Amino acid sequence: MRFKSVGNKRDSCYVVIKNGEASASIPQGSPVTLLFNGTEDGVQVVLPSTAGDAKNGSFKYGIATAALVAGAYGEAQIFGYCPYALMTKMTRAASTDSWTSSQSSASGIALGWESINNALVGNASMVGSLGTLGGAAVLAASLASSAASASATGDTRTAITNAVKVFVRMM
C-alpha cells in the first residue's frame, strides 16, 4: 500500500495490482475485483464482467489508475479523491435502438460495480444493494443529463460511459 504521508494535499491510498485477465486489457478508470484463484491471491484483479456478481459484491478492490495489458502490474486507488473513474451513463438494448434521455446525477450519490460495461453505476443495475454493501465510491462532481437521440448507423455502442470524479472508499 502507498499512503500519502505528509503535506497539505488530499489524502489517498493505492494498492499494487496485477491484471489477471487472460488476454483483455483493463482500461484506466475501470473498477477492479480481486481474482482469488489460488495464484497470486491478493494482487491479481479482473474486470467486473470477468469476476461475476458474487465476487463483485465481496471483493471490490479499487479503481485502476492506468491502463494495464494482460499480466501487467499497476496500481488501483482504494481511498480518496479519484479524478478519473468510468461510470455508465446510458445504455440501449441494441445498436439499432435510439438512445433514451438520461437524468443528471448529483454529486454525493453512492456508486457500485456494473459488470456488463466494467464501470461504476449509481442505479438499480448495481451489484448488491447500497444498504448491505455500501457505496464503493461516491460521485464527487455532478454529471449533466443527456438528451435522447435517434440511432446513428455508425454508432454501434450499446452503452455510453463517462469519465467522472469520485471519492473512493474501499478500505
C-alpha atoms as a PDB file:
ATOM      1  CA  MET A   1       0.000   0.000   0.000  1.00  0.00           C
ATOM      2  CA  ARG A   2       1.060   3.500  -0.732  1.00  0.00           C
ATOM      3  CA  PHE A   3      -0.260   6.259   1.515  1.00  0.00           C
ATOM      4  CA  LYS A   4       0.386   9.964   1.308  1.00  0.00           C
ATOM      5  CA  SER A   5       2.428  10.569   4.441  1.00  0.00           C
ATOM      6  CA  VAL A   6       2.766  14.328   4.919  1.00  0.00           C
ATOM      7  CA  GLY A   7       1.800  17.615   3.372  1.00  0.00           C
ATOM      8  CA  ASN A   8      -1.219  19.785   2.837  1.00  0.00           C
ATOM      9  CA  LYS A   9      -2.753  17.922  -0.136  1.00  0.00           C
ATOM     10  CA  ARG A  10      -5.686  15.499  -0.137  1.00  0.00           C
ATOM     11  CA  ASP A  11      -5.200  12.004   1.314  1.00  0.00           C
ATOM     12  CA  SER A  12      -5.225   8.918  -0.883  1.00  0.00           C
ATOM     13  CA  CYS A  13      -4.278   5.249  -0.734  1.00  0.00           C
ATOM     14  CA  TYR A  14      -3.147   2.924  -3.532  1.00  0.00           C
ATOM     15  CA  VAL A  15      -2.506  -0.826  -3.777  1.00  0.00           C
ATOM     16  CA  VAL A  16      -0.396  -2.844  -6.188  1.00  0.00           C
ATOM     17  CA  ILE A  17      -2.430  -4.901  -8.653  1.00  0.00           C
ATOM     18  CA  LYS A  18      -1.705  -7.338 -11.478  1.00  0.00           C
ATOM     19  CA  ASN A  19      -4.037  -7.723 -14.442  1.00  0.00           C
ATOM     20  CA  GLY A  20      -5.265 -11.318 -14.113  1.00  0.00           C
ATOM     21  CA  GLU A  21      -7.307 -11.227 -17.322  1.00  0.00           C
ATOM     22  CA  ALA A  22      -6.343 -13.954 -19.813  1.00  0.00           C
ATOM     23  CA  SER A  23      -5.977 -11.510 -22.712  1.00  0.00           C
ATOM     24  CA  ALA A  24      -8.045  -8.378 -22.004  1.00  0.00           C
ATOM     25  CA  SER A  25      -6.626  -5.019 -21.019  1.00  0.00           C
ATOM     26  CA  ILE A  26      -8.001  -3.172 -18.017  1.00  0.00           C
ATOM     27  CA  PRO A  27      -8.739   0.440 -19.032  1.00  0.00           C
ATOM     28  CA  GLN A  28      -7.778   3.394 -16.843  1.00  0.00           C
ATOM     29  CA  GLY A  29     -10.654   4.305 -14.530  1.00  0.00           C
ATOM     30  CA  SER A  30     -12.200   0.825 -14.507  1.00  0.00           C
ATOM     31  CA  PRO A  31     -13.247  -0.715 -11.218  1.00  0.00           C
ATOM     32  CA  VAL A  32     -11.345  -3.934 -10.486  1.00  0.00           C
ATOM     33  CA  THR A  33     -12.181  -7.035  -8.458  1.00  0.00           C
ATOM     34  CA  LEU A  34      -9.786  -9.421  -6.713  1.00  0.00           C
ATOM     35  CA  LEU A  35      -9.473 -12.727  -8.586  1.00  0.00           C
ATOM     36  CA  PHE A  36      -8.751 -15.239  -5.738  1.00  0.00           C
ATOM     37  CA  ASN A  37      -7.969 -18.268  -7.901  1.00  0.00           C
ATOM     38  CA  GLY A  38      -5.058 -19.670  -5.854  1.00  0.00           C
ATOM     39  CA  THR A  39      -2.410 -17.882  -7.933  1.00  0.00           C
ATOM     40  CA  GLU A  40      -1.140 -14.515  -6.713  1.00  0.00           C
ATOM     41  CA  ASP A  41      -4.170 -14.044  -4.459  1.00  0.00           C
ATOM     42  CA  GLY A  42      -4.424 -10.537  -3.079  1.00  0.00           C
ATOM     43  CA  VAL A  43      -2.740  -8.909  -6.091  1.00  0.00           C
ATOM     44  CA  GLN A  44      -4.418 -10.326  -9.218  1.00  0.00           C
ATOM     45  CA  VAL A  45      -7.510  -8.440 -10.339  1.00  0.00           C
ATOM     46  CA  VAL A  46     -10.004  -8.750 -13.158  1.00  0.00           C
ATOM     47  CA  LEU A  47     -12.728  -6.638 -14.686  1.00  0.00           C
ATOM     48  CA  PRO A  48     -16.200  -6.838 -13.104  1.00  0.00           C
ATOM     49  CA  SER A  49     -17.549  -8.729 -16.150  1.00  0.00           C
ATOM     50  CA  THR A  50     -14.972 -11.486 -15.614  1.00  0.00           C
ATOM     51  CA  ALA A  51     -15.347 -11.680 -11.823  1.00  0.00           C
ATOM     52  CA  GLY A  52     -19.098 -12.268 -11.710  1.00  0.00           C
ATOM     53  CA  ASP A  53     -21.652 -10.816  -9.334  1.00  0.00           C
ATOM     54  CA  ALA A  54     -20.667 -12.838  -6.240  1.00  0.00           C
ATOM     55  CA  LYS A  55     -17.043 -11.662  -6.276  1.00  0.00           C
ATOM     56  CA  ASN A  56     -18.015  -8.123  -7.318  1.00  0.00           C
ATOM     57  CA  GLY A  57     -20.193  -7.903  -4.231  1.00  0.00           C
ATOM     58  CA  SER A  58     -17.435  -9.054  -1.875  1.00  0.00           C
ATOM     59  CA  PHE A  59     -14.026  -8.355  -3.409  1.00  0.00           C
ATOM     60  CA  LYS A  60     -14.132  -4.801  -4.796  1.00  0.00           C
ATOM     61  CA  TYR A  61     -10.515  -3.667  -4.970  1.00  0.00           C
ATOM     62  CA  GLY A  62     -10.269  -0.155  -6.331  1.00  0.00           C
ATOM     63  CA  ILE A  63     -10.119   1.926  -9.483  1.00  0.00           C
ATOM     64  CA  ALA A  64      -7.302   1.238 -11.970  1.00  0.00           C
ATOM     65  CA  THR A  65      -5.069   4.324 -12.174  1.00  0.00           C
ATOM     66  CA  ALA A  66      -3.687   3.451 -15.627  1.00  0.00           C
ATOM     67  CA  ALA A  67      -4.470   1.058 -18.472  1.00  0.00           C
ATOM     68  CA  LEU A  68      -2.982  -2.414 -17.878  1.00  0.00           C
ATOM     69  CA  VAL A  69      -2.383  -5.065 -20.533  1.00  0.00           C
ATOM     70  CA  ALA A  70      -2.870  -8.709 -19.507  1.00  0.00           C
ATOM     71  CA  GLY A  71      -0.250  -9.747 -16.946  1.00  0.00           C
ATOM     72  CA  ALA A  72       0.971  -6.193 -16.249  1.00  0.00           C
ATOM     73  CA  TYR A  73       1.389  -4.669 -12.782  1.00  0.00           C
ATOM     74  CA  GLY A  74      -0.002  -1.294 -11.810  1.00  0.00           C
ATOM     75  CA  GLU A  75      -1.959   0.422  -9.063  1.00  0.00           C
ATOM     76  CA  ALA A  76      -5.566   0.763  -8.004  1.00  0.00           C
ATOM     77  CA  GLN A  77      -6.827   3.590  -5.830  1.00  0.00           C
ATOM     78  CA  ILE A  78      -8.758   2.315  -2.816  1.00  0.00           C
ATOM     79  CA  PHE A  79      -9.310   5.541  -0.861  1.00  0.00           C
ATOM     80  CA  GLY A  80      -9.576   9.251  -1.543  1.00  0.00           C
ATOM     81  CA  TYR A  81     -10.456  11.662  -4.330  1.00  0.00           C
ATOM     82  CA  CYS A  82     -10.078   9.985  -7.738  1.00  0.00           C
ATOM     83  CA  PRO A  83     -10.139  12.383 -10.709  1.00  0.00           C
ATOM     84  CA  TYR A  84     -10.762   9.674 -13.355  1.00  0.00           C
ATOM     85  CA  ALA A  85     -13.224   6.807 -13.000  1.00  0.00           C
ATOM     86  CA  LEU A  86     -15.550   5.303 -15.595  1.00  0.00           C
ATOM     87  CA  MET A  87     -19.300   5.492 -14.986  1.00  0.00           C
ATOM     88  CA  THR A  88     -22.041   4.027 -17.184  1.00  0.00           C
ATOM     89  CA  LYS A  89     -24.323   6.905 -18.162  1.00  0.00           C
ATOM     90  CA  MET A  90     -26.655   5.487 -20.825  1.00  0.00           C
ATOM     91  CA  THR A  91     -27.484   2.060 -22.250  1.00  0.00           C
ATOM     92  CA  ARG A  92     -29.633   0.647 -25.029  1.00  0.00           C
ATOM     93  CA  ALA A  93     -30.626  -2.913 -25.880  1.00  0.00           C
ATOM     94  CA  ALA A  94     -29.299  -2.930 -29.456  1.00  0.00           C
ATOM     95  CA  SER A  95     -27.120  -0.674 -31.581  1.00  0.00           C
ATOM     96  CA  THR A  96     -30.115  -0.012 -33.846  1.00  0.00           C
ATOM     97  CA  ASP A  97     -32.248   1.333 -30.958  1.00  0.00           C
ATOM     98  CA  SER A  98     -32.440   5.066 -30.283  1.00  0.00           C
ATOM     99  CA  TRP A  99     -30.757   6.492 -27.190  1.00  0.00           C
ATOM    100  CA  THR A 100     -33.227   7.467 -24.474  1.00  0.00           C
ATOM    101  CA  SER A 101     -32.548  10.517 -22.351  1.00  0.00           C
ATOM    102  CA  SER A 102     -30.735  10.144 -19.054  1.00  0.00           C
ATOM    103  CA  GLN A 103     -31.224  12.200 -15.942  1.00  0.00           C
ATOM    104  CA  SER A 104     -28.476  14.202 -14.313  1.00  0.00           C
ATOM    105  CA  SER A 105     -26.551  12.633 -11.452  1.00  0.00           C
ATOM    106  CA  ALA A 106     -25.929  14.733  -8.368  1.00  0.00           C
ATOM    107  CA  SER A 107     -22.654  14.713  -6.504  1.00  0.00           C
ATOM    108  CA  GLY A 108     -22.834  12.572  -3.395  1.00  0.00           C
ATOM    109  CA  ILE A 109     -24.703   9.597  -4.874  1.00  0.00           C
ATOM    110  CA  ALA A 110     -23.295   6.184  -3.988  1.00  0.00           C
ATOM    111  CA  LEU A 111     -21.823   4.152  -6.836  1.00  0.00           C
ATOM    112  CA  GLY A 112     -21.207   0.448  -7.217  1.00  0.00           C
ATOM    113  CA  TRP A 113     -19.809  -2.050  -9.707  1.00  0.00           C
ATOM    114  CA  GLU A 114     -21.576  -2.511 -13.039  1.00  0.00           C
ATOM    115  CA  SER A 115     -20.478  -5.830 -14.508  1.00  0.00           C
ATOM    116  CA  ILE A 116     -21.783  -5.502 -18.057  1.00  0.00           C
ATOM    117  CA  ASN A 117     -19.801  -2.409 -19.062  1.00  0.00           C
ATOM    118  CA  ASN A 118     -16.971  -2.642 -16.467  1.00  0.00           C
ATOM    119  CA  ALA A 119     -17.738   0.721 -14.939  1.00  0.00           C
ATOM    120  CA  LEU A 120     -19.333   2.311 -11.891  1.00  0.00           C
ATOM    121  CA  VAL A 121     -23.074   2.858 -11.770  1.00  0.00           C
ATOM    122  CA  GLY A 122     -25.486   4.534  -9.394  1.00  0.00           C
ATOM    123  CA  ASN A 123     -28.819   2.888 -10.101  1.00  0.00           C
ATOM    124  CA  ALA A 124     -30.763  -0.360  -9.831  1.00  0.00           C
ATOM    125  CA  SER A 125     -28.355  -2.301 -12.086  1.00  0.00           C
ATOM    126  CA  MET A 126     -25.654  -2.036  -9.437  1.00  0.00           C
ATOM    127  CA  VAL A 127     -24.392  -5.305  -7.914  1.00  0.00           C
ATOM    128  CA  GLY A 128     -25.813  -5.725  -4.396  1.00  0.00           C
ATOM    129  CA  SER A 129     -27.790  -3.145  -2.504  1.00  0.00           C
ATOM    130  CA  LEU A 130     -26.370   0.030  -1.016  1.00  0.00           C
ATOM    131  CA  GLY A 131     -27.916  -0.829   2.316  1.00  0.00           C
ATOM    132  CA  THR A 132     -25.998  -4.073   2.685  1.00  0.00           C
ATOM    133  CA  LEU A 133     -22.815  -3.393   0.721  1.00  0.00           C
ATOM    134  CA  GLY A 134     -22.386   0.360   0.979  1.00  0.00           C
ATOM    135  CA  GLY A 135     -21.179   2.542  -1.848  1.00  0.00           C
ATOM    136  CA  ALA A 136     -17.691   1.647  -3.074  1.00  0.00           C
ATOM    137  CA  ALA A 137     -17.396   5.167  -4.435  1.00  0.00           C
ATOM    138  CA  VAL A 138     -19.337   8.395  -4.266  1.00  0.00           C
ATOM    139  CA  LEU A 139     -19.813  10.747  -7.200  1.00  0.00           C
ATOM    140  CA  ALA A 140     -17.707  13.828  -6.381  1.00  0.00           C
ATOM    141  CA  ALA A 141     -18.945  16.137  -9.163  1.00  0.00           C
ATOM    142  CA  SER A 142     -22.400  16.217 -10.699  1.00  0.00           C
ATOM    143  CA  LEU A 143     -22.958  14.770 -14.158  1.00  0.00           C
ATOM    144  CA  ALA A 144     -25.278  16.556 -16.591  1.00  0.00           C
ATOM    145  CA  SER A 145     -28.315  14.923 -18.149  1.00  0.00           C
ATOM    146  CA  SER A 146     -28.178  13.639 -21.726  1.00  0.00           C
ATOM    147  CA  ALA A 147     -30.833  14.192 -24.368  1.00  0.00           C
ATOM    148  CA  ALA A 148     -32.434  11.396 -26.351  1.00  0.00           C
ATOM    149  CA  SER A 149     -31.195  10.853 -29.893  1.00  0.00           C
ATOM    150  CA  ALA A 150     -32.069   8.707 -32.869  1.00  0.00           C
ATOM    151  CA  SER A 151     -29.879   5.739 -33.707  1.00  0.00           C
ATOM    152  CA  ALA A 152     -26.922   6.614 -35.891  1.00  0.00           C
ATOM    153  CA  THR A 153     -25.815   3.938 -38.341  1.00  0.00           C
ATOM    154  CA  GLY A 154     -22.142   4.390 -37.464  1.00  0.00           C
ATOM    155  CA  ASP A 155     -22.685   4.242 -33.695  1.00  0.00           C
ATOM    156  CA  THR A 156     -22.547   0.571 -32.679  1.00  0.00           C
ATOM    157  CA  ARG A 157     -22.225   1.150 -28.919  1.00  0.00           C
ATOM    158  CA  THR A 158     -24.859  -0.197 -26.568  1.00  0.00           C
ATOM    159  CA  ALA A 159     -23.544   1.822 -23.599  1.00  0.00           C
ATOM    160  CA  ILE A 160     -22.052   5.241 -23.038  1.00  0.00           C
ATOM    161  CA  THR A 161     -19.559   5.660 -20.226  1.00  0.00           C
ATOM    162  CA  ASN A 162     -18.265   8.951 -18.894  1.00  0.00           C
ATOM    163  CA  ALA A 163     -15.073   9.784 -17.055  1.00  0.00           C
ATOM    164  CA  VAL A 164     -16.176  11.147 -13.676  1.00  0.00           C
ATOM    165  CA  LYS A 165     -14.630  12.368 -10.449  1.00  0.00           C
ATOM    166  CA  VAL A 166     -15.343  10.154  -7.447  1.00  0.00           C
ATOM    167  CA  PHE A 167     -14.441   9.719  -3.817  1.00  0.00           C
ATOM    168  CA  VAL A 168     -13.296   6.103  -3.415  1.00  0.00           C
ATOM    169  CA  ARG A 169     -13.887   4.318  -0.108  1.00  0.00           C
ATOM    170  CA  MET A 170     -12.791   0.702  -0.178  1.00  0.00           C
ATOM    171  CA  MET A 171     -10.668   0.444   2.970  1.00  0.00           C
END
